[in-house]
Amino acid sequence: ALICMCEQYAESESSNDLALVCIYLDFIKFCQQPSGTFLNYVSYDRQFTTQNEEVNLEDSIGRTIWALGFVLSKHDSLPKTIVLQADMIFKKAISCIEDIHSTRAMAFLIKGLYYANKQENISLIDLFAKRLAAMYAHEAAEDWEWFEHSLTYANSLLPEAMLLAGLASGERRYQQIALQSFEFLLNHIFDSDGIHVISNEYWSE
């Protein structure tokens, strides 16, 4: 929602759109913990629920870093106060993300780090890209050019992240993995009958 409204405000400069940007950013700030990480589940009375202790939060943390990085990339069109707030949250958050290993979470992190400042964050981008490249090397075979043993949700995110990592670092291997895995994905989505949507009902090798 934050990403969409930042895009919308850049076009409209509407005070209503900006109000929503502030609401979504304030919610992210509310969810940030003293350690820098984020909780994800909040009740209507603004209490963090026990679900935060029962569910892996890495995916939601990755999406949050992506959203914050996107806000920072729009610094020319957003008010300075919003950009500064996003920057404070972002910098506090990236101090504790190195232990994240979930596949899509790492891809979201790469996107956020790239949007925020690809050169300043190059070491973290490279860290997560190396982990994704290792996953690809472990799983890929002649007829299965993918990072995992199955295709589930948000699949295009993985080649996209590797492409951004390649652009940021100049590492040709990341770009090759991006192109190979994306072509593999397209071959499993499109055929002569049209498009086949892949979700959590996955295809596996």
Protein backbone atom coordinates (compact mmCIF):
# COMPACT_ATOMS: atom_id res chain seq x y z
CA ALA A 1 0.00 0.00 0.00
CA LEU A 2 2.84 2.40 0.86
CA ILE A 3 4.54 1.74 -2.47
CA CYS A 4 1.33 2.24 -4.43
CA MET A 5 0.51 5.52 -2.71
CA CYS A 6 4.02 6.86 -3.21
CA GLU A 7 3.61 6.18 -6.92
CA GLN A 8 0.16 7.75 -6.89
CA TYR A 9 1.30 10.86 -5.04
CA ALA A 10 4.19 11.37 -7.47
CA GLU A 11 1.56 11.71 -10.21
CA SER A 12 -1.27 13.44 -8.36
CA GLU A 13 0.40 15.54 -5.62
CA SER A 14 -2.92 15.05 -3.84
CA SER A 15 -3.12 15.80 -0.11
CA ASN A 16 -5.40 12.75 0.27
CA ASP A 17 -2.75 10.49 -1.27
CA LEU A 18 -0.06 12.03 0.92
CA ALA A 19 -2.21 11.44 4.02
CA LEU A 20 -2.32 7.73 3.17
CA VAL A 21 1.45 7.65 2.67
CA CYS A 22 1.80 9.07 6.20
CA ILE A 23 -0.65 6.55 7.66
CA TYR A 24 1.15 3.55 6.13
CA LEU A 25 4.58 4.85 7.12
CA ASP A 26 3.39 5.55 10.66
CA PHE A 27 2.09 1.98 10.89
CA ILE A 28 5.50 0.65 9.89
CA LYS A 29 7.12 2.85 12.54
CA PHE A 30 4.63 1.55 15.11
CA CYS A 31 5.55 -2.05 14.23
CA GLN A 32 9.29 -1.46 14.53
CA GLN A 33 10.82 -2.85 17.70
CA PRO A 34 13.73 -1.40 19.72
CA SER A 35 16.04 -3.93 18.07
CA GLY A 36 15.15 -2.53 14.63
CA THR A 37 13.13 -5.51 13.44
CA PHE A 38 9.35 -5.49 12.91
CA LEU A 39 6.29 -7.28 14.21
CA ASN A 40 3.53 -8.00 11.72
CA TYR A 41 0.26 -8.83 13.47
CA VAL A 42 -1.67 -6.10 15.26
CA SER A 43 -5.20 -6.22 16.70
CA TYR A 44 -7.82 -3.52 16.17
CA ASP A 45 -6.98 -2.09 19.59
CA ARG A 46 -3.33 -1.68 18.52
CA GLN A 47 -1.95 -4.60 20.47
CA PHE A 48 0.63 -6.97 19.02
CA THR A 49 -0.88 -10.46 18.95
CA THR A 50 0.66 -13.79 19.87
CA GLN A 51 0.70 -14.71 16.18
CA ASN A 52 3.95 -12.76 15.96
CA GLU A 53 5.53 -15.47 18.13
CA GLU A 54 4.09 -18.34 16.09
CA VAL A 55 4.78 -17.28 12.49
CA ASN A 56 8.02 -16.71 10.59
CA LEU A 57 8.18 -12.94 10.13
CA GLU A 58 11.07 -12.81 7.67
CA ASP A 59 8.84 -12.38 4.61
CA SER A 60 7.00 -9.43 6.14
CA ILE A 61 10.31 -7.86 7.23
CA GLY A 62 11.62 -8.20 3.69
CA ARG A 63 8.50 -6.55 2.27
CA THR A 64 8.85 -3.72 4.78
CA ILE A 65 12.45 -3.02 3.77
CA TRP A 66 11.32 -3.04 0.12
CA ALA A 67 8.60 -0.47 0.90
CA LEU A 68 10.97 1.76 2.90
CA GLY A 69 13.60 1.59 0.18
CA PHE A 70 10.99 2.56 -2.39
CA VAL A 71 9.99 5.60 -0.30
CA LEU A 72 13.64 6.68 -0.21
CA SER A 73 13.89 6.32 -3.98
CA LYS A 74 11.08 8.89 -4.30
CA HIS A 75 12.94 11.58 -2.34
CA ASP A 76 12.51 14.08 -5.17
CA SER A 77 8.71 13.91 -5.10
CA LEU A 78 7.92 13.32 -1.41
CA PRO A 79 8.09 15.87 1.43
CA LYS A 80 11.44 15.90 3.22
CA THR A 81 9.88 15.00 6.58
CA ILE A 82 8.51 11.74 5.16
CA VAL A 83 11.82 10.83 3.53
CA LEU A 84 13.70 11.53 6.76
CA GLN A 85 11.28 9.40 8.78
CA ALA A 86 11.59 6.52 6.30
CA ASP A 87 15.38 6.85 6.36
CA MET A 88 15.51 6.63 10.17
CA ILE A 89 13.32 3.51 10.20
CA PHE A 90 15.28 1.97 7.31
CA LYS A 91 18.71 2.51 8.84
CA LYS A 92 17.60 1.11 12.17
CA ALA A 93 16.12 -1.93 10.42
CA ILE A 94 19.04 -2.89 8.20
CA SER A 95 21.30 -3.17 11.23
CA CYS A 96 19.64 -6.49 12.09
CA ILE A 97 18.77 -8.18 8.79
CA GLU A 98 21.92 -10.19 8.09
CA ASP A 99 20.52 -13.34 9.71
CA ILE A 100 17.52 -13.50 7.36
CA HIS A 101 17.68 -16.56 5.09
CA SER A 102 14.13 -17.05 3.74
CA THR A 103 14.24 -17.09 -0.04
CA ARG A 104 11.66 -14.42 -0.86
CA ALA A 105 12.54 -12.35 2.17
CA MET A 106 16.11 -12.04 0.86
CA ALA A 107 14.79 -11.07 -2.57
CA PHE A 108 12.58 -8.36 -1.04
CA LEU A 109 15.58 -7.13 0.95
CA ILE A 110 17.67 -6.84 -2.20
CA LYS A 111 14.93 -4.76 -3.84
CA GLY A 112 14.64 -2.44 -0.86
CA LEU A 113 18.40 -2.02 -0.52
CA TYR A 114 18.71 -1.35 -4.25
CA TYR A 115 15.97 1.28 -4.27
CA ALA A 116 17.30 3.00 -1.14
CA ASN A 117 20.88 3.37 -2.32
CA LYS A 118 22.43 0.56 -4.33
CA GLN A 119 26.02 1.76 -3.85
CA GLU A 120 25.81 2.48 -0.13
CA ASN A 121 24.17 -0.90 0.49
CA ILE A 122 26.25 -2.96 -1.92
CA SER A 123 27.74 -5.23 0.74
CA LEU A 124 24.30 -6.28 2.01
CA ILE A 125 22.97 -6.69 -1.52
CA ASP A 126 25.92 -8.93 -2.31
CA LEU A 127 25.43 -10.93 0.90
CA PHE A 128 21.84 -11.86 0.04
CA ALA A 129 22.60 -12.35 -3.67
CA LYS A 130 25.35 -14.82 -2.79
CA ARG A 131 22.89 -16.79 -0.64
CA LEU A 132 20.32 -16.88 -3.45
CA ALA A 133 23.04 -17.86 -5.95
CA ALA A 134 24.07 -20.72 -3.64
CA MET A 135 20.45 -21.90 -3.45
CA TYR A 136 20.25 -21.79 -7.22
CA ALA A 137 23.47 -23.77 -7.60
CA HIS A 138 22.18 -26.39 -5.15
CA GLU A 139 18.78 -26.87 -6.80
CA ALA A 140 19.37 -26.18 -10.48
CA ALA A 141 19.63 -29.06 -12.94
CA GLU A 142 19.41 -29.46 -16.69
CA ASP A 143 15.62 -29.27 -16.66
CA TRP A 144 15.11 -27.31 -13.43
CA GLU A 145 16.74 -23.89 -13.42
CA TRP A 146 15.33 -22.61 -10.16
CA PHE A 147 16.27 -21.64 -6.58
CA GLU A 148 14.03 -24.18 -4.83
CA HIS A 149 12.62 -27.62 -5.52
CA SER A 150 9.21 -26.08 -6.27
CA LEU A 151 7.50 -23.05 -7.78
CA THR A 152 5.14 -21.43 -5.30
CA TYR A 153 4.16 -17.74 -4.90
CA ALA A 154 5.81 -14.47 -6.01
CA ASN A 155 8.18 -16.43 -8.22
CA SER A 156 9.22 -13.57 -10.51
CA LEU A 157 10.59 -11.76 -7.47
CA LEU A 158 13.63 -14.05 -7.37
CA PRO A 159 14.99 -13.41 -10.89
CA GLU A 160 14.20 -9.72 -10.44
CA ALA A 161 16.24 -9.54 -7.25
CA MET A 162 19.19 -11.28 -8.89
CA LEU A 163 19.01 -8.88 -11.82
CA LEU A 164 19.07 -5.88 -9.47
CA ALA A 165 21.98 -7.42 -7.56
CA GLY A 166 23.83 -7.86 -10.84
CA LEU A 167 23.17 -4.25 -11.82
CA ALA A 168 24.32 -2.99 -8.42
CA SER A 169 27.47 -5.09 -8.17
CA GLY A 170 28.38 -5.67 -11.79
CA GLU A 171 28.57 -9.40 -10.98
CA ARG A 172 27.83 -11.14 -14.26
CA ARG A 173 26.97 -14.43 -12.52
CA TYR A 174 23.98 -12.81 -10.81
CA GLN A 175 22.71 -11.50 -14.13
CA GLN A 176 23.09 -14.92 -15.76
CA ILE A 177 21.14 -16.58 -12.96
CA ALA A 178 18.45 -13.91 -13.32
CA LEU A 179 18.04 -14.53 -17.04
CA GLN A 180 18.18 -18.32 -16.81
CA SER A 181 15.69 -18.55 -13.96
CA PHE A 182 13.32 -16.02 -15.53
CA GLU A 183 13.29 -17.88 -18.83
CA PHE A 184 12.61 -21.11 -16.93
CA LEU A 185 9.73 -19.44 -15.09
CA LEU A 186 8.22 -18.06 -18.29
CA ASN A 187 8.36 -21.51 -19.88
CA HIS A 188 6.28 -22.85 -16.99
CA ILE A 189 3.76 -20.03 -17.07
CA PHE A 190 3.07 -19.60 -20.77
CA ASP A 191 2.27 -22.20 -23.41
CA SER A 192 0.07 -22.51 -26.48
CA ASP A 193 -3.04 -22.61 -24.27
CA GLY A 194 -2.24 -19.32 -22.53
CA ILE A 195 -1.06 -18.46 -19.03
CA HIS A 196 -0.96 -20.79 -16.03
CA VAL A 197 -0.97 -18.95 -12.71
CA ILE A 198 1.27 -20.54 -10.06
CA SER A 199 0.43 -19.92 -6.42
CA ASN A 200 0.83 -21.97 -3.26
CA GLU A 201 -0.49 -24.95 -5.20
CA TYR A 202 2.96 -25.39 -6.59
CA TRP A 203 4.78 -27.28 -9.31
CA SER A 204 7.82 -29.22 -8.28
CA GLU A 205 10.66 -30.91 -10.11
